[in-house]
């Protein structure tokens, strides 16, 4: 179902406000590349996990690679497997470039010089929240 003219104007207003508040985040969202980094990280994690598994098995099977009967290669393989699992789990939880992982202040850690971003953002957010409530109360 297409948007009405009023809804399209509201959407354009939201987009303009988003670009004004945080252009880097807005360009990231507009680019449509939100899923690719997460998927790439999952694949990298799976590859690292498989490499660790191979090292673990090779270290356990080949007796020449055990100095003083300590399976060093197997321990290294286990650590690599653990690292791969951590990468996969962080990608699944949204540790990539998902929308939920972006902090409220745009990821900069501190507001821009000379402006109070929290008051401008809160008033914009309050207006949009009020419009949303009014729309569903009618």
C-alpha atoms as a PDB file:
ATOM      1  CA  UNK A   1       0.000   0.000   0.000  1.00  0.00           C
ATOM      2  CA  UNK A   2       1.534   3.336  -1.034  1.00  0.00           C
ATOM      3  CA  UNK A   3       2.001   6.168   1.425  1.00  0.00           C
ATOM      4  CA  UNK A   4      -0.319   9.145   1.385  1.00  0.00           C
ATOM      5  CA  UNK A   5       1.058  12.575   0.533  1.00  0.00           C
ATOM      6  CA  UNK A   6       0.999  13.586   4.183  1.00  0.00           C
ATOM      7  CA  UNK A   7       2.942  10.457   5.182  1.00  0.00           C
ATOM      8  CA  UNK A   8       5.470  11.025   2.390  1.00  0.00           C
ATOM      9  CA  UNK A   9       6.031  14.596   3.617  1.00  0.00           C
ATOM     10  CA  UNK A  10       6.521  13.330   7.162  1.00  0.00           C
ATOM     11  CA  UNK A  11       8.971  10.703   5.953  1.00  0.00           C
ATOM     12  CA  UNK A  12      10.953  13.310   4.008  1.00  0.00           C
ATOM     13  CA  UNK A  13      11.009  15.518   7.107  1.00  0.00           C
ATOM     14  CA  UNK A  14      12.343  12.623   9.192  1.00  0.00           C
ATOM     15  CA  UNK A  15      15.026  11.902   6.578  1.00  0.00           C
ATOM     16  CA  UNK A  16      16.123  15.560   6.506  1.00  0.00           C
ATOM     17  CA  UNK A  17      16.300  15.676  10.298  1.00  0.00           C
ATOM     18  CA  UNK A  18      18.299  12.456  10.352  1.00  0.00           C
ATOM     19  CA  UNK A  19      20.781  13.801   7.808  1.00  0.00           C
ATOM     20  CA  UNK A  20      21.099  17.015   9.826  1.00  0.00           C
ATOM     21  CA  UNK A  21      21.692  15.190  13.117  1.00  0.00           C
ATOM     22  CA  UNK A  22      23.980  12.379  12.002  1.00  0.00           C
ATOM     23  CA  UNK A  23      25.019  12.360   8.334  1.00  0.00           C
ATOM     24  CA  UNK A  24      27.391   9.388   8.730  1.00  0.00           C
ATOM     25  CA  UNK A  25      24.681   7.142  10.179  1.00  0.00           C
ATOM     26  CA  UNK A  26      22.162   8.363   7.618  1.00  0.00           C
ATOM     27  CA  UNK A  27      24.478   7.542   4.725  1.00  0.00           C
ATOM     28  CA  UNK A  28      25.116   4.100   6.211  1.00  0.00           C
ATOM     29  CA  UNK A  29      21.397   3.410   6.457  1.00  0.00           C
ATOM     30  CA  UNK A  30      20.679   4.772   2.989  1.00  0.00           C
ATOM     31  CA  UNK A  31      23.463   2.623   1.482  1.00  0.00           C
ATOM     32  CA  UNK A  32      21.543  -0.546   2.239  1.00  0.00           C
ATOM     33  CA  UNK A  33      24.662  -2.413   3.340  1.00  0.00           C
ATOM     34  CA  UNK A  34      23.468  -3.266   6.842  1.00  0.00           C
ATOM     35  CA  UNK A  35      23.431  -7.049   6.432  1.00  0.00           C
ATOM     36  CA  UNK A  36      26.599  -7.599   4.446  1.00  0.00           C
ATOM     37  CA  UNK A  37      29.222  -6.836   7.097  1.00  0.00           C
ATOM     38  CA  UNK A  38      27.426  -9.072   9.593  1.00  0.00           C
ATOM     39  CA  UNK A  39      27.205 -11.885   7.067  1.00  0.00           C
ATOM     40  CA  UNK A  40      30.858 -11.437   6.138  1.00  0.00           C
ATOM     41  CA  UNK A  41      31.842 -11.624   9.809  1.00  0.00           C
ATOM     42  CA  UNK A  42      29.859 -14.831  10.264  1.00  0.00           C
ATOM     43  CA  UNK A  43      31.624 -16.403   7.302  1.00  0.00           C
ATOM     44  CA  UNK A  44      35.016 -15.281   8.608  1.00  0.00           C
ATOM     45  CA  UNK A  45      34.193 -16.734  12.014  1.00  0.00           C
ATOM     46  CA  UNK A  46      33.157 -20.043  10.478  1.00  0.00           C
ATOM     47  CA  UNK A  47      36.398 -20.172   8.473  1.00  0.00           C
ATOM     48  CA  UNK A  48      38.481 -19.411  11.579  1.00  0.00           C
ATOM     49  CA  UNK A  49      36.565 -22.079  13.520  1.00  0.00           C
ATOM     50  CA  UNK A  50      37.235 -24.654  10.768  1.00  0.00           C
ATOM     51  CA  UNK A  51      40.934 -23.734  10.727  1.00  0.00           C
ATOM     52  CA  UNK A  52      41.091 -24.195  14.499  1.00  0.00           C
ATOM     53  CA  UNK A  53      39.365 -27.558  14.233  1.00  0.00           C
ATOM     54  CA  UNK A  54      41.879 -28.666  11.602  1.00  0.00           C
ATOM     55  CA  UNK A  55      44.783 -27.566  13.825  1.00  0.00           C
ATOM     56  CA  UNK A  56      43.257 -29.391  16.786  1.00  0.00           C
ATOM     57  CA  UNK A  57      42.902 -32.653  14.853  1.00  0.00           C
ATOM     58  CA  UNK A  58      46.338 -32.406  13.220  1.00  0.00           C
ATOM     59  CA  UNK A  59      47.974 -31.704  16.580  1.00  0.00           C
ATOM     60  CA  UNK A  60      46.254 -34.708  18.128  1.00  0.00           C
ATOM     61  CA  UNK A  61      46.972 -37.133  15.268  1.00  0.00           C
ATOM     62  CA  UNK A  62      50.600 -36.393  14.381  1.00  0.00           C
ATOM     63  CA  UNK A  63      52.901 -37.436  17.241  1.00  0.00           C
ATOM     64  CA  UNK A  64      55.897 -35.526  15.838  1.00  0.00           C
ATOM     65  CA  UNK A  65      54.132 -32.226  16.610  1.00  0.00           C
ATOM     66  CA  UNK A  66      53.992 -32.927  20.374  1.00  0.00           C
ATOM     67  CA  UNK A  67      57.156 -31.693  22.086  1.00  0.00           C
ATOM     68  CA  UNK A  68      57.506 -33.351  25.511  1.00  0.00           C
ATOM     69  CA  UNK A  69      54.109 -35.059  25.038  1.00  0.00           C
ATOM     70  CA  UNK A  70      52.313 -31.691  25.118  1.00  0.00           C
ATOM     71  CA  UNK A  71      49.881 -31.215  22.215  1.00  0.00           C
ATOM     72  CA  UNK A  72      50.825 -27.576  21.612  1.00  0.00           C
ATOM     73  CA  UNK A  73      49.270 -27.480  18.149  1.00  0.00           C
ATOM     74  CA  UNK A  74      46.010 -28.869  19.531  1.00  0.00           C
ATOM     75  CA  UNK A  75      45.902 -26.194  22.234  1.00  0.00           C
ATOM     76  CA  UNK A  76      46.538 -23.499  19.619  1.00  0.00           C
ATOM     77  CA  UNK A  77      43.803 -25.064  17.461  1.00  0.00           C
ATOM     78  CA  UNK A  78      41.381 -24.967  20.365  1.00  0.00           C
ATOM     79  CA  UNK A  79      42.143 -21.285  20.997  1.00  0.00           C
ATOM     80  CA  UNK A  80      41.632 -20.499  17.303  1.00  0.00           C
ATOM     81  CA  UNK A  81      38.331 -22.406  17.375  1.00  0.00           C
ATOM     82  CA  UNK A  82      37.253 -20.402  20.409  1.00  0.00           C
ATOM     83  CA  UNK A  83      38.142 -17.161  18.618  1.00  0.00           C
ATOM     84  CA  UNK A  84      36.104 -18.230  15.590  1.00  0.00           C
ATOM     85  CA  UNK A  85      33.116 -19.039  17.783  1.00  0.00           C
ATOM     86  CA  UNK A  86      33.355 -15.626  19.449  1.00  0.00           C
ATOM     87  CA  UNK A  87      33.407 -13.927  16.027  1.00  0.00           C
ATOM     88  CA  UNK A  88      30.346 -15.867  14.863  1.00  0.00           C
ATOM     89  CA  UNK A  89      28.406 -15.182  18.055  1.00  0.00           C
ATOM     90  CA  UNK A  90      29.221 -11.481  18.011  1.00  0.00           C
ATOM     91  CA  UNK A  91      28.025 -11.284  14.393  1.00  0.00           C
ATOM     92  CA  UNK A  92      24.796 -13.104  15.274  1.00  0.00           C
ATOM     93  CA  UNK A  93      24.091 -10.810  18.227  1.00  0.00           C
ATOM     94  CA  UNK A  94      24.435  -7.703  16.059  1.00  0.00           C
ATOM     95  CA  UNK A  95      28.065  -6.931  16.685  1.00  0.00           C
ATOM     96  CA  UNK A  96      28.384  -5.946  13.081  1.00  0.00           C
ATOM     97  CA  UNK A  97      27.010  -2.730  11.605  1.00  0.00           C
ATOM     98  CA  UNK A  98      23.396  -3.282  12.523  1.00  0.00           C
ATOM     99  CA  UNK A  99      21.117  -0.434  13.460  1.00  0.00           C
ATOM    100  CA  UNK A 100      20.706  -1.622  17.059  1.00  0.00           C
ATOM    101  CA  UNK A 101      24.455  -1.431  17.720  1.00  0.00           C
ATOM    102  CA  UNK A 102      24.663   2.303  16.988  1.00  0.00           C
ATOM    103  CA  UNK A 103      24.604   4.375  20.197  1.00  0.00           C
ATOM    104  CA  UNK A 104      22.027   7.151  20.599  1.00  0.00           C
ATOM    105  CA  UNK A 105      24.522   9.967  20.133  1.00  0.00           C
ATOM    106  CA  UNK A 106      25.530   8.723  16.693  1.00  0.00           C
ATOM    107  CA  UNK A 107      28.594   6.797  17.830  1.00  0.00           C
ATOM    108  CA  UNK A 108      30.816   9.827  18.236  1.00  0.00           C
ATOM    109  CA  UNK A 109      31.194   9.429  21.977  1.00  0.00           C
ATOM    110  CA  UNK A 110      30.746  13.158  22.574  1.00  0.00           C
ATOM    111  CA  UNK A 111      28.558  15.832  21.000  1.00  0.00           C
ATOM    112  CA  UNK A 112      29.821  18.212  18.353  1.00  0.00           C
ATOM    113  CA  UNK A 113      31.504  21.405  19.475  1.00  0.00           C
ATOM    114  CA  UNK A 114      29.260  24.394  19.976  1.00  0.00           C
ATOM    115  CA  UNK A 115      25.946  22.559  19.922  1.00  0.00           C
ATOM    116  CA  UNK A 116      23.868  20.726  22.434  1.00  0.00           C
ATOM    117  CA  UNK A 117      22.781  17.665  20.487  1.00  0.00           C
ATOM    118  CA  UNK A 118      20.786  16.083  23.266  1.00  0.00           C
ATOM    119  CA  UNK A 119      18.233  18.916  23.465  1.00  0.00           C
ATOM    120  CA  UNK A 120      17.779  19.092  19.678  1.00  0.00           C
ATOM    121  CA  UNK A 121      17.503  15.367  19.384  1.00  0.00           C
ATOM    122  CA  UNK A 122      15.131  14.992  22.287  1.00  0.00           C
ATOM    123  CA  UNK A 123      12.775  17.679  21.009  1.00  0.00           C
ATOM    124  CA  UNK A 124      12.723  16.063  17.568  1.00  0.00           C
ATOM    125  CA  UNK A 125      12.195  12.650  19.116  1.00  0.00           C
ATOM    126  CA  UNK A 126       9.480  14.008  21.362  1.00  0.00           C
ATOM    127  CA  UNK A 127       7.653  15.587  18.426  1.00  0.00           C
ATOM    128  CA  UNK A 128       7.798  12.386  16.406  1.00  0.00           C
ATOM    129  CA  UNK A 129       6.675  10.332  19.384  1.00  0.00           C
ATOM    130  CA  UNK A 130       3.762  12.691  19.975  1.00  0.00           C
ATOM    131  CA  UNK A 131       2.719  12.459  16.317  1.00  0.00           C
ATOM    132  CA  UNK A 132       2.906   8.686  16.491  1.00  0.00           C
ATOM    133  CA  UNK A 133       0.713   8.595  19.586  1.00  0.00           C
ATOM    134  CA  UNK A 134      -1.843  11.005  18.090  1.00  0.00           C
ATOM    135  CA  UNK A 135      -2.066   8.966  14.934  1.00  0.00           C
ATOM    136  CA  UNK A 136      -2.987   5.780  16.759  1.00  0.00           C
ATOM    137  CA  UNK A 137      -5.284   7.454  19.270  1.00  0.00           C
ATOM    138  CA  UNK A 138      -7.579   8.727  16.499  1.00  0.00           C
END
